[in-house]
Amino acid sequence: MAYGRRVEFEAVREAAFGAIGAAYTALGTALIDNARIISFYNTTDAEVYISFDGVTNHIRLASGTFQVFDLTANKVRDDGYFVANGTVIFQSRVAGAPTSGALWAEVVIAAGGV
């Protein structure tokens, strides 16, 4: 009996404080497969927004915080939710420009898709 799938880790997507502007810009490249777990870390001294369409503010991260989204918690085999491959993660600042730190995302994928 098989339970679950093999997972892989995508390369870290990172933006230094100076690359976080008022307009949305891509945080790295598009997802190479369906994301099962995504972690966001904001070590800047400013609040940032995360968007999955480059227009809508989906996630707001306070300075010095992180959030982990385990989209397939307590699932086995091929069920559970995911962020689709090809999705681009975007970032922007909430108000004032950050002067230190970085923003990054770590992505875990199910090898071979859903």
PDB file of N, CA and C in Angstrom:
ATOM      1  N   MET A   1       0.848  -1.170   0.000  1.00  0.00           N
ATOM      2  CA  MET A   1       0.000   0.000   0.000  1.00  0.00           C
ATOM      3  C   MET A   1       0.894   1.234   0.000  1.00  0.00           C
ATOM      4  N   ALA A   2       0.642   2.153  -0.925  1.00  0.00           N
ATOM      5  CA  ALA A   2       1.432   3.375  -1.031  1.00  0.00           C
ATOM      6  C   ALA A   2       0.729   4.518  -0.312  1.00  0.00           C
ATOM      7  N   TYR A   3       1.492   5.256   0.442  1.00  0.00           N
ATOM      8  CA  TYR A   3       0.968   6.438   1.117  1.00  0.00           C
ATOM      9  C   TYR A   3       1.792   7.644   0.717  1.00  0.00           C
ATOM     10  N   GLY A   4       1.131   8.632   0.157  1.00  0.00           N
ATOM     11  CA  GLY A   4       1.810   9.869  -0.173  1.00  0.00           C
ATOM     12  C   GLY A   4       2.626   9.800  -1.442  1.00  0.00           C
ATOM     13  N   ARG A   5       3.394  10.839  -1.635  1.00  0.00           N
ATOM     14  CA  ARG A   5       4.230  10.990  -2.820  1.00  0.00           C
ATOM     15  C   ARG A   5       5.581  11.508  -2.390  1.00  0.00           C
ATOM     16  N   ARG A   6       6.512  11.408  -3.287  1.00  0.00           N
ATOM     17  CA  ARG A   6       7.838  11.961  -3.053  1.00  0.00           C
ATOM     18  C   ARG A   6       7.742  13.484  -3.179  1.00  0.00           C
ATOM     19  N   VAL A   7       8.405  14.211  -2.294  1.00  0.00           N
ATOM     20  CA  VAL A   7       8.424  15.668  -2.376  1.00  0.00           C
ATOM     21  C   VAL A   7       9.818  16.140  -2.762  1.00  0.00           C
ATOM     22  N   GLU A   8       9.851  17.308  -3.325  1.00  0.00           N
ATOM     23  CA  GLU A   8      11.097  17.977  -3.673  1.00  0.00           C
ATOM     24  C   GLU A   8      10.986  19.429  -3.236  1.00  0.00           C
ATOM     25  N   PHE A   9      12.124  20.068  -3.121  1.00  0.00           N
ATOM     26  CA  PHE A   9      12.172  21.463  -2.712  1.00  0.00           C
ATOM     27  C   PHE A   9      12.611  22.315  -3.893  1.00  0.00           C
ATOM     28  N   GLU A  10      11.859  23.366  -4.165  1.00  0.00           N
ATOM     29  CA  GLU A  10      12.269  24.295  -5.208  1.00  0.00           C
ATOM     30  C   GLU A  10      13.337  25.232  -4.648  1.00  0.00           C
ATOM     31  N   ALA A  11      14.030  25.915  -5.525  1.00  0.00           N
ATOM     32  CA  ALA A  11      15.035  26.893  -5.101  1.00  0.00           C
ATOM     33  C   ALA A  11      14.352  28.017  -4.331  1.00  0.00           C
ATOM     34  N   VAL A  12      15.032  28.541  -3.340  1.00  0.00           N
ATOM     35  CA  VAL A  12      14.510  29.652  -2.546  1.00  0.00           C
ATOM     36  C   VAL A  12      14.319  30.864  -3.456  1.00  0.00           C
ATOM     37  N   ARG A  13      13.191  31.519  -3.289  1.00  0.00           N
ATOM     38  CA  ARG A  13      12.908  32.768  -4.009  1.00  0.00           C
ATOM     39  C   ARG A  13      13.147  33.894  -3.018  1.00  0.00           C
ATOM     40  N   GLU A  14      14.027  34.834  -3.361  1.00  0.00           N
ATOM     41  CA  GLU A  14      14.432  35.833  -2.370  1.00  0.00           C
ATOM     42  C   GLU A  14      14.554  37.220  -2.993  1.00  0.00           C
ATOM     43  N   ALA A  15      14.187  38.230  -2.198  1.00  0.00           N
ATOM     44  CA  ALA A  15      14.354  39.630  -2.598  1.00  0.00           C
ATOM     45  C   ALA A  15      14.986  40.386  -1.437  1.00  0.00           C
ATOM     46  N   ALA A  16      16.103  41.031  -1.685  1.00  0.00           N
ATOM     47  CA  ALA A  16      16.730  41.895  -0.680  1.00  0.00           C
ATOM     48  C   ALA A  16      15.849  43.125  -0.476  1.00  0.00           C
ATOM     49  N   PHE A  17      16.025  43.807   0.637  1.00  0.00           N
ATOM     50  CA  PHE A  17      15.149  44.934   1.004  1.00  0.00           C
ATOM     51  C   PHE A  17      15.049  45.982  -0.102  1.00  0.00           C
ATOM     52  N   GLY A  18      16.125  46.247  -0.824  1.00  0.00           N
ATOM     53  CA  GLY A  18      16.119  47.268  -1.868  1.00  0.00           C
ATOM     54  C   GLY A  18      15.309  46.893  -3.096  1.00  0.00           C
ATOM     55  N   ALA A  19      14.976  45.615  -3.237  1.00  0.00           N
ATOM     56  CA  ALA A  19      14.209  45.146  -4.395  1.00  0.00           C
ATOM     57  C   ALA A  19      12.714  45.072  -4.112  1.00  0.00           C
ATOM     58  N   ILE A  20      12.307  45.500  -2.931  1.00  0.00           N
ATOM     59  CA  ILE A  20      10.888  45.448  -2.555  1.00  0.00           C
ATOM     60  C   ILE A  20      10.307  46.843  -2.733  1.00  0.00           C
ATOM     61  N   GLY A  21       9.572  47.029  -3.816  1.00  0.00           N
ATOM     62  CA  GLY A  21       9.057  48.345  -4.162  1.00  0.00           C
ATOM     63  C   GLY A  21       7.582  48.515  -3.882  1.00  0.00           C
ATOM     64  N   ALA A  22       7.059  49.659  -4.323  1.00  0.00           N
ATOM     65  CA  ALA A  22       5.644  49.975  -4.128  1.00  0.00           C
ATOM     66  C   ALA A  22       4.756  49.190  -5.082  1.00  0.00           C
ATOM     67  N   ALA A  23       5.276  48.816  -6.246  1.00  0.00           N
ATOM     68  CA  ALA A  23       4.515  48.042  -7.222  1.00  0.00           C
ATOM     69  C   ALA A  23       4.887  46.567  -7.091  1.00  0.00           C
ATOM     70  N   TYR A  24       3.958  45.695  -7.447  1.00  0.00           N
ATOM     71  CA  TYR A  24       4.243  44.266  -7.386  1.00  0.00           C
ATOM     72  C   TYR A  24       5.308  43.865  -8.400  1.00  0.00           C
ATOM     73  N   THR A  25       6.274  43.070  -7.948  1.00  0.00           N
ATOM     74  CA  THR A  25       7.270  42.459  -8.817  1.00  0.00           C
ATOM     75  C   THR A  25       7.378  40.988  -8.445  1.00  0.00           C
ATOM     76  N   ALA A  26       7.833  40.192  -9.391  1.00  0.00           N
ATOM     77  CA  ALA A  26       7.934  38.742  -9.175  1.00  0.00           C
ATOM     78  C   ALA A  26       8.979  38.439  -8.104  1.00  0.00           C
ATOM     79  N   LEU A  27       8.638  37.492  -7.241  1.00  0.00           N
ATOM     80  CA  LEU A  27       9.567  36.977  -6.242  1.00  0.00           C
ATOM     81  C   LEU A  27      10.124  35.676  -6.810  1.00  0.00           C
ATOM     82  N   GLY A  28      11.121  35.803  -7.677  1.00  0.00           N
ATOM     83  CA  GLY A  28      11.690  34.625  -8.322  1.00  0.00           C
ATOM     84  C   GLY A  28      10.889  34.197  -9.533  1.00  0.00           C
ATOM     85  N   THR A  29      11.106  32.949  -9.923  1.00  0.00           N
ATOM     86  CA  THR A  29      10.487  32.400 -11.122  1.00  0.00           C
ATOM     87  C   THR A  29       9.167  31.696 -10.788  1.00  0.00           C
ATOM     88  N   ALA A  30       8.449  31.319 -11.834  1.00  0.00           N
ATOM     89  CA  ALA A  30       7.186  30.598 -11.667  1.00  0.00           C
ATOM     90  C   ALA A  30       7.434  29.236 -11.011  1.00  0.00           C
ATOM     91  N   LEU A  31       6.428  28.721 -10.302  1.00  0.00           N
ATOM     92  CA  LEU A  31       6.532  27.399  -9.694  1.00  0.00           C
ATOM     93  C   LEU A  31       6.751  26.355 -10.778  1.00  0.00           C
ATOM     94  N   ILE A  32       7.650  25.405 -10.518  1.00  0.00           N
ATOM     95  CA  ILE A  32       7.926  24.372 -11.521  1.00  0.00           C
ATOM     96  C   ILE A  32       6.996  23.179 -11.390  1.00  0.00           C
ATOM     97  N   ASP A  33       6.277  23.081 -10.287  1.00  0.00           N
ATOM     98  CA  ASP A  33       5.291  22.021 -10.102  1.00  0.00           C
ATOM     99  C   ASP A  33       4.288  22.501  -9.059  1.00  0.00           C
ATOM    100  N   ASN A  34       3.315  21.686  -8.721  1.00  0.00           N
ATOM    101  CA  ASN A  34       2.272  22.059  -7.769  1.00  0.00           C
ATOM    102  C   ASN A  34       2.843  22.186  -6.363  1.00  0.00           C
ATOM    103  N   ALA A  35       2.668  23.359  -5.758  1.00  0.00           N
ATOM    104  CA  ALA A  35       3.204  23.626  -4.425  1.00  0.00           C
ATOM    105  C   ALA A  35       2.288  23.039  -3.355  1.00  0.00           C
ATOM    106  N   ARG A  36       2.860  22.252  -2.468  1.00  0.00           N
ATOM    107  CA  ARG A  36       2.109  21.644  -1.366  1.00  0.00           C
ATOM    108  C   ARG A  36       2.313  22.399  -0.060  1.00  0.00           C
ATOM    109  N   ILE A  37       3.499  22.968   0.131  1.00  0.00           N
ATOM    110  CA  ILE A  37       3.802  23.771   1.320  1.00  0.00           C
ATOM    111  C   ILE A  37       4.556  25.007   0.849  1.00  0.00           C
ATOM    112  N   ILE A  38       4.129  26.180   1.322  1.00  0.00           N
ATOM    113  CA  ILE A  38       4.838  27.425   1.016  1.00  0.00           C
ATOM    114  C   ILE A  38       5.073  28.156   2.331  1.00  0.00           C
ATOM    115  N   SER A  39       6.310  28.591   2.523  1.00  0.00           N
ATOM    116  CA  SER A  39       6.681  29.375   3.700  1.00  0.00           C
ATOM    117  C   SER A  39       7.171  30.738   3.236  1.00  0.00           C
ATOM    118  N   PHE A  40       6.715  31.782   3.906  1.00  0.00           N
ATOM    119  CA  PHE A  40       7.158  33.152   3.617  1.00  0.00           C
ATOM    120  C   PHE A  40       7.855  33.703   4.840  1.00  0.00           C
ATOM    121  N   TYR A  41       8.992  34.352   4.640  1.00  0.00           N
ATOM    122  CA  TYR A  41       9.784  34.939   5.725  1.00  0.00           C
ATOM    123  C   TYR A  41      10.061  36.394   5.386  1.00  0.00           C
ATOM    124  N   ASN A  42       9.787  37.278   6.333  1.00  0.00           N
ATOM    125  CA  ASN A  42      10.032  38.703   6.142  1.00  0.00           C
ATOM    126  C   ASN A  42      10.959  39.195   7.251  1.00  0.00           C
ATOM    127  N   THR A  43      12.238  39.313   6.938  1.00  0.00           N
ATOM    128  CA  THR A  43      13.192  39.831   7.928  1.00  0.00           C
ATOM    129  C   THR A  43      13.488  41.303   7.707  1.00  0.00           C
ATOM    130  N   THR A  44      12.698  41.954   6.834  1.00  0.00           N
ATOM    131  CA  THR A  44      12.888  43.385   6.620  1.00  0.00           C
ATOM    132  C   THR A  44      12.311  44.165   7.802  1.00  0.00           C
ATOM    133  N   ASP A  45      12.551  45.469   7.778  1.00  0.00           N
ATOM    134  CA  ASP A  45      12.002  46.346   8.813  1.00  0.00           C
ATOM    135  C   ASP A  45      10.716  47.033   8.341  1.00  0.00           C
ATOM    136  N   ALA A  46      10.018  46.407   7.385  1.00  0.00           N
ATOM    137  CA  ALA A  46       8.764  46.958   6.853  1.00  0.00           C
ATOM    138  C   ALA A  46       7.781  45.823   6.587  1.00  0.00           C
ATOM    139  N   GLU A  47       6.491  46.175   6.547  1.00  0.00           N
ATOM    140  CA  GLU A  47       5.473  45.188   6.193  1.00  0.00           C
ATOM    141  C   GLU A  47       5.465  44.988   4.677  1.00  0.00           C
ATOM    142  N   VAL A  48       5.151  43.773   4.258  1.00  0.00           N
ATOM    143  CA  VAL A  48       5.107  43.465   2.823  1.00  0.00           C
ATOM    144  C   VAL A  48       3.811  42.731   2.483  1.00  0.00           C
ATOM    145  N   TYR A  49       3.436  42.832   1.210  1.00  0.00           N
ATOM    146  CA  TYR A  49       2.315  42.082   0.674  1.00  0.00           C
ATOM    147  C   TYR A  49       2.836  40.965  -0.210  1.00  0.00           C
ATOM    148  N   ILE A  50       2.088  39.864  -0.237  1.00  0.00           N
ATOM    149  CA  ILE A  50       2.320  38.761  -1.153  1.00  0.00           C
ATOM    150  C   ILE A  50       1.073  38.644  -2.024  1.00  0.00           C
ATOM    151  N   SER A  51       1.280  38.421  -3.319  1.00  0.00           N
ATOM    152  CA  SER A  51       0.163  38.270  -4.247  1.00  0.00           C
ATOM    153  C   SER A  51       0.429  37.071  -5.150  1.00  0.00           C
ATOM    154  N   PHE A  52      -0.647  36.408  -5.547  1.00  0.00           N
ATOM    155  CA  PHE A  52      -0.519  35.287  -6.476  1.00  0.00           C
ATOM    156  C   PHE A  52      -1.036  35.640  -7.870  1.00  0.00           C
ATOM    157  N   ASP A  53      -1.446  36.911  -8.056  1.00  0.00           N
ATOM    158  CA  ASP A  53      -1.861  37.356  -9.387  1.00  0.00           C
ATOM    159  C   ASP A  53      -1.203  38.671  -9.791  1.00  0.00           C
ATOM    160  N   GLY A  54      -0.394  39.254  -8.906  1.00  0.00           N
ATOM    161  CA  GLY A  54       0.298  40.501  -9.203  1.00  0.00           C
ATOM    162  C   GLY A  54      -0.566  41.735  -9.104  1.00  0.00           C
ATOM    163  N   VAL A  55      -1.800  41.581  -8.609  1.00  0.00           N
ATOM    164  CA  VAL A  55      -2.735  42.698  -8.501  1.00  0.00           C
ATOM    165  C   VAL A  55      -3.350  42.765  -7.102  1.00  0.00           C
ATOM    166  N   THR A  56      -3.787  41.610  -6.594  1.00  0.00           N
ATOM    167  CA  THR A  56      -4.522  41.525  -5.336  1.00  0.00           C
ATOM    168  C   THR A  56      -3.578  41.286  -4.163  1.00  0.00           C
ATOM    169  N   ASN A  57      -3.794  42.000  -3.053  1.00  0.00           N
ATOM    170  CA  ASN A  57      -3.040  41.756  -1.823  1.00  0.00           C
ATOM    171  C   ASN A  57      -3.615  40.509  -1.163  1.00  0.00           C
ATOM    172  N   HIS A  58      -2.901  39.379  -1.248  1.00  0.00           N
ATOM    173  CA  HIS A  58      -3.404  38.129  -0.675  1.00  0.00           C
ATOM    174  C   HIS A  58      -2.903  37.879   0.732  1.00  0.00           C
ATOM    175  N   ILE A  59      -1.644  38.192   1.013  1.00  0.00           N
ATOM    176  CA  ILE A  59      -1.044  37.939   2.320  1.00  0.00           C
ATOM    177  C   ILE A  59      -0.290  39.190   2.748  1.00  0.00           C
ATOM    178  N   ARG A  60      -0.451  39.571   4.005  1.00  0.00           N
ATOM    179  CA  ARG A  60       0.293  40.710   4.563  1.00  0.00           C
ATOM    180  C   ARG A  60       1.198  40.165   5.659  1.00  0.00           C
ATOM    181  N   LEU A  61       2.493  40.401   5.498  1.00  0.00           N
ATOM    182  CA  LEU A  61       3.477  39.920   6.469  1.00  0.00           C
ATOM    183  C   LEU A  61       4.067  41.087   7.236  1.00  0.00           C
ATOM    184  N   ALA A  62       3.933  41.049   8.541  1.00  0.00           N
ATOM    185  CA  ALA A  62       4.537  42.073   9.383  1.00  0.00           C
ATOM    186  C   ALA A  62       6.049  41.927   9.366  1.00  0.00           C
ATOM    187  N   SER A  63       6.727  42.983   9.708  1.00  0.00           N
ATOM    188  CA  SER A  63       8.182  42.965   9.790  1.00  0.00           C
ATOM    189  C   SER A  63       8.647  41.909  10.783  1.00  0.00           C
ATOM    190  N   GLY A  64       9.659  41.140  10.413  1.00  0.00           N
ATOM    191  CA  GLY A  64      10.243  40.155  11.317  1.00  0.00           C
ATOM    192  C   GLY A  64       9.365  38.946  11.586  1.00  0.00           C
ATOM    193  N   THR A  65       8.481  38.597  10.652  1.00  0.00           N
ATOM    194  CA  THR A  65       7.584  37.458  10.869  1.00  0.00           C
ATOM    195  C   THR A  65       7.677  36.459   9.712  1.00  0.00           C
ATOM    196  N   PHE A  66       6.988  35.333   9.898  1.00  0.00           N
ATOM    197  CA  PHE A  66       6.890  34.334   8.839  1.00  0.00           C
ATOM    198  C   PHE A  66       5.525  33.677   8.915  1.00  0.00           C
ATOM    199  N   GLN A  67       5.133  33.055   7.806  1.00  0.00           N
ATOM    200  CA  GLN A  67       3.901  32.267   7.757  1.00  0.00           C
ATOM    201  C   GLN A  67       4.166  31.013   6.943  1.00  0.00           C
ATOM    202  N   VAL A  68       3.611  29.900   7.399  1.00  0.00           N
ATOM    203  CA  VAL A  68       3.739  28.636   6.698  1.00  0.00           C
ATOM    204  C   VAL A  68       2.343  28.175   6.298  1.00  0.00           C
ATOM    205  N   PHE A  69       2.189  27.800   5.041  1.00  0.00           N
ATOM    206  CA  PHE A  69       0.923  27.297   4.536  1.00  0.00           C
ATOM    207  C   PHE A  69       1.121  25.852   4.103  1.00  0.00           C
ATOM    208  N   ASP A  70       0.640  24.925   4.919  1.00  0.00           N
ATOM    209  CA  ASP A  70       0.706  23.496   4.596  1.00  0.00           C
ATOM    210  C   ASP A  70      -0.628  23.141   3.958  1.00  0.00           C
ATOM    211  N   LEU A  71      -0.656  23.164   2.643  1.00  0.00           N
ATOM    212  CA  LEU A  71      -1.897  23.018   1.904  1.00  0.00           C
ATOM    213  C   LEU A  71      -2.414  21.589   1.846  1.00  0.00           C
ATOM    214  N   THR A  72      -1.590  20.628   2.195  1.00  0.00           N
ATOM    215  CA  THR A  72      -2.004  19.228   2.127  1.00  0.00           C
ATOM    216  C   THR A  72      -1.873  18.533   3.476  1.00  0.00           C
ATOM    217  N   ALA A  73      -2.023  19.271   4.540  1.00  0.00           N
ATOM    218  CA  ALA A  73      -1.923  18.677   5.877  1.00  0.00           C
ATOM    219  C   ALA A  73      -2.905  17.521   6.035  1.00  0.00           C
ATOM    220  N   ASN A  74      -2.434  16.431   6.619  1.00  0.00           N
ATOM    221  CA  ASN A  74      -3.252  15.257   6.931  1.00  0.00           C
ATOM    222  C   ASN A  74      -3.863  14.592   5.700  1.00  0.00           C
ATOM    223  N   LYS A  75      -3.180  14.661   4.591  1.00  0.00           N
ATOM    224  CA  LYS A  75      -3.655  14.032   3.364  1.00  0.00           C
ATOM    225  C   LYS A  75      -2.695  12.918   2.968  1.00  0.00           C
ATOM    226  N   VAL A  76      -3.209  11.925   2.281  1.00  0.00           N
ATOM    227  CA  VAL A  76      -2.377  10.864   1.727  1.00  0.00           C
ATOM    228  C   VAL A  76      -2.709  10.698   0.255  1.00  0.00           C
ATOM    229  N   ARG A  77      -1.876   9.985  -0.432  1.00  0.00           N
ATOM    230  CA  ARG A  77      -2.022   9.755  -1.866  1.00  0.00           C
ATOM    231  C   ARG A  77      -2.030  11.071  -2.623  1.00  0.00           C
ATOM    232  N   ASP A  78      -2.965  11.255  -3.538  1.00  0.00           N
ATOM    233  CA  ASP A  78      -2.956  12.414  -4.418  1.00  0.00           C
ATOM    234  C   ASP A  78      -3.976  13.484  -4.039  1.00  0.00           C
ATOM    235  N   ASP A  79      -4.571  13.378  -2.867  1.00  0.00           N
ATOM    236  CA  ASP A  79      -5.584  14.368  -2.529  1.00  0.00           C
ATOM    237  C   ASP A  79      -4.956  15.579  -1.862  1.00  0.00           C
ATOM    238  N   GLY A  80      -5.767  16.544  -1.557  1.00  0.00           N
ATOM    239  CA  GLY A  80      -5.289  17.773  -0.929  1.00  0.00           C
ATOM    240  C   GLY A  80      -5.256  18.923  -1.911  1.00  0.00           C
ATOM    241  N   TYR A  81      -5.015  20.090  -1.391  1.00  0.00           N
ATOM    242  CA  TYR A  81      -4.988  21.307  -2.189  1.00  0.00           C
ATOM    243  C   TYR A  81      -3.556  21.641  -2.565  1.00  0.00           C
ATOM    244  N   PHE A  82      -3.393  22.551  -3.502  1.00  0.00           N
ATOM    245  CA  PHE A  82      -2.065  22.957  -3.932  1.00  0.00           C
ATOM    246  C   PHE A  82      -2.166  24.285  -4.661  1.00  0.00           C
ATOM    247  N   VAL A  83      -1.018  24.962  -4.813  1.00  0.00           N
ATOM    248  CA  VAL A  83      -0.914  26.124  -5.684  1.00  0.00           C
ATOM    249  C   VAL A  83      -0.355  25.599  -6.997  1.00  0.00           C
ATOM    250  N   ALA A  84      -1.022  25.880  -8.096  1.00  0.00           N
ATOM    251  CA  ALA A  84      -0.716  25.269  -9.398  1.00  0.00           C
ATOM    252  C   ALA A  84       0.657  25.639  -9.933  1.00  0.00           C
ATOM    253  N   ASN A  85       1.250  24.668 -10.629  1.00  0.00           N
ATOM    254  CA  ASN A  85       2.526  24.952 -11.276  1.00  0.00           C
ATOM    255  C   ASN A  85       2.336  26.084 -12.278  1.00  0.00           C
ATOM    256  N   GLY A  86       3.393  26.831 -12.498  1.00  0.00           N
ATOM    257  CA  GLY A  86       3.323  27.997 -13.367  1.00  0.00           C
ATOM    258  C   GLY A  86       2.916  29.269 -12.652  1.00  0.00           C
ATOM    259  N   THR A  87       2.452  29.161 -11.412  1.00  0.00           N
ATOM    260  CA  THR A  87       2.055  30.342 -10.643  1.00  0.00           C
ATOM    261  C   THR A  87       3.292  31.164 -10.298  1.00  0.00           C
ATOM    262  N   VAL A  88       3.191  32.467 -10.441  1.00  0.00           N
ATOM    263  CA  VAL A  88       4.258  33.383 -10.044  1.00  0.00           C
ATOM    264  C   VAL A  88       3.850  34.031  -8.730  1.00  0.00           C
ATOM    265  N   ILE A  89       4.766  34.088  -7.784  1.00  0.00           N
ATOM    266  CA  ILE A  89       4.542  34.767  -6.507  1.00  0.00           C
ATOM    267  C   ILE A  89       5.070  36.193  -6.651  1.00  0.00           C
ATOM    268  N   PHE A  90       4.264  37.172  -6.274  1.00  0.00           N
ATOM    269  CA  PHE A  90       4.648  38.577  -6.370  1.00  0.00           C
ATOM    270  C   PHE A  90       4.785  39.181  -4.976  1.00  0.00           C
ATOM    271  N   GLN A  91       5.582  40.244  -4.881  1.00  0.00           N
ATOM    272  CA  GLN A  91       5.786  40.923  -3.610  1.00  0.00           C
ATOM    273  C   GLN A  91       5.803  42.432  -3.808  1.00  0.00           C
ATOM    274  N   SER A  92       5.387  43.161  -2.764  1.00  0.00           N
ATOM    275  CA  SER A  92       5.490  44.621  -2.739  1.00  0.00           C
ATOM    276  C   SER A  92       5.490  45.061  -1.277  1.00  0.00           C
ATOM    277  N   ARG A  93       5.856  46.292  -1.063  1.00  0.00           N
ATOM    278  CA  ARG A  93       5.835  46.828   0.304  1.00  0.00           C
ATOM    279  C   ARG A  93       4.453  47.394   0.601  1.00  0.00           C
ATOM    280  N   VAL A  94       4.105  47.458   1.880  1.00  0.00           N
ATOM    281  CA  VAL A  94       2.812  48.003   2.289  1.00  0.00           C
ATOM    282  C   VAL A  94       2.848  49.520   2.289  1.00  0.00           C
ATOM    283  N   ALA A  95       3.863  50.104   2.900  1.00  0.00           N
ATOM    284  CA  ALA A  95       3.947  51.567   2.994  1.00  0.00           C
ATOM    285  C   ALA A  95       5.386  52.000   2.712  1.00  0.00           C
ATOM    286  N   GLY A  96       6.106  52.396   3.741  1.00  0.00           N
ATOM    287  CA  GLY A  96       7.476  52.873   3.580  1.00  0.00           C
ATOM    288  C   GLY A  96       8.434  51.790   3.107  1.00  0.00           C
ATOM    289  N   ALA A  97       9.468  52.218   2.422  1.00  0.00           N
ATOM    290  CA  ALA A  97      10.466  51.283   1.890  1.00  0.00           C
ATOM    291  C   ALA A  97      11.286  50.655   3.013  1.00  0.00           C
ATOM    292  N   PRO A  98      11.519  49.345   2.932  1.00  0.00           N
ATOM    293  CA  PRO A  98      12.381  48.700   3.925  1.00  0.00           C
ATOM    294  C   PRO A  98      13.829  49.163   3.758  1.00  0.00           C
ATOM    295  N   THR A  99      14.578  49.172   4.852  1.00  0.00           N
ATOM    296  CA  THR A  99      15.979  49.613   4.811  1.00  0.00           C
ATOM    297  C   THR A  99      16.951  48.512   5.219  1.00  0.00           C
ATOM    298  N   SER A 100      16.431  47.339   5.538  1.00  0.00           N
ATOM    299  CA  SER A 100      17.306  46.219   5.886  1.00  0.00           C
ATOM    300  C   SER A 100      16.526  44.915   5.739  1.00  0.00           C
ATOM    301  N   GLY A 101      17.273  43.811   5.713  1.00  0.00           N
ATOM    302  CA  GLY A 101      16.658  42.492   5.688  1.00  0.00           C
ATOM    303  C   GLY A 101      16.311  42.002   4.292  1.00  0.00           C
ATOM    304  N   ALA A 102      15.472  40.972   4.242  1.00  0.00           N
ATOM    305  CA  ALA A 102      15.077  40.336   2.992  1.00  0.00           C
ATOM    306  C   ALA A 102      13.705  39.697   3.155  1.00  0.00           C
ATOM    307  N   LEU A 103      13.130  39.341   2.025  1.00  0.00           N
ATOM    308  CA  LEU A 103      11.870  38.595   1.964  1.00  0.00           C
ATOM    309  C   LEU A 103      12.158  37.359   1.147  1.00  0.00           C
ATOM    310  N   TRP A 104      11.691  36.196   1.608  1.00  0.00           N
ATOM    311  CA  TRP A 104      11.890  35.001   0.793  1.00  0.00           C
ATOM    312  C   TRP A 104      10.756  34.015   0.976  1.00  0.00           C
ATOM    313  N   ALA A 105      10.665  33.120  -0.015  1.00  0.00           N
ATOM    314  CA  ALA A 105       9.662  32.058  -0.007  1.00  0.00           C
ATOM    315  C   ALA A 105      10.376  30.728  -0.220  1.00  0.00           C
ATOM    316  N   GLU A 106       9.942  29.717   0.525  1.00  0.00           N
ATOM    317  CA  GLU A 106      10.426  28.351   0.372  1.00  0.00           C
ATOM    318  C   GLU A 106       9.245  27.492  -0.044  1.00  0.00           C
ATOM    319  N   VAL A 107       9.430  26.667  -1.071  1.00  0.00           N
ATOM    320  CA  VAL A 107       8.326  25.923  -1.665  1.00  0.00           C
ATOM    321  C   VAL A 107       8.642  24.427  -1.701  1.00  0.00           C
ATOM    322  N   VAL A 108       7.684  23.618  -1.229  1.00  0.00           N
ATOM    323  CA  VAL A 108       7.782  22.156  -1.303  1.00  0.00           C
ATOM    324  C   VAL A 108       6.759  21.698  -2.324  1.00  0.00           C
ATOM    325  N   ILE A 109       7.199  20.865  -3.257  1.00  0.00           N
ATOM    326  CA  ILE A 109       6.313  20.376  -4.313  1.00  0.00           C
ATOM    327  C   ILE A 109       6.177  18.862  -4.215  1.00  0.00           C
ATOM    328  N   ALA A 110       5.096  18.343  -4.791  1.00  0.00           N
ATOM    329  CA  ALA A 110       4.928  16.902  -4.935  1.00  0.00           C
ATOM    330  C   ALA A 110       5.515  16.541  -6.286  1.00  0.00           C
ATOM    331  N   ALA A 111       6.582  15.789  -6.285  1.00  0.00           N
ATOM    332  CA  ALA A 111       7.260  15.448  -7.528  1.00  0.00           C
ATOM    333  C   ALA A 111       6.296  14.748  -8.476  1.00  0.00           C
ATOM    334  N   GLY A 112       6.192  15.267  -9.675  1.00  0.00           N
ATOM    335  CA  GLY A 112       5.311  14.669 -10.664  1.00  0.00           C
ATOM    336  C   GLY A 112       3.900  15.222 -10.658  1.00  0.00           C
ATOM    337  N   GLY A 113       3.627  16.237  -9.867  1.00  0.00           N
ATOM    338  CA  GLY A 113       2.306  16.869  -9.868  1.00  0.00           C
ATOM    339  C   GLY A 113       1.326  16.158  -8.959  1.00  0.00           C
ATOM    340  N   VAL A 114       0.056  16.485  -9.169  1.00  0.00           N
ATOM    341  CA  VAL A 114      -1.007  15.961  -8.306  1.00  0.00           C
ATOM    342  C   VAL A 114      -1.392  14.579  -8.730  1.00  0.00           C
TER     343      VAL A 114
END
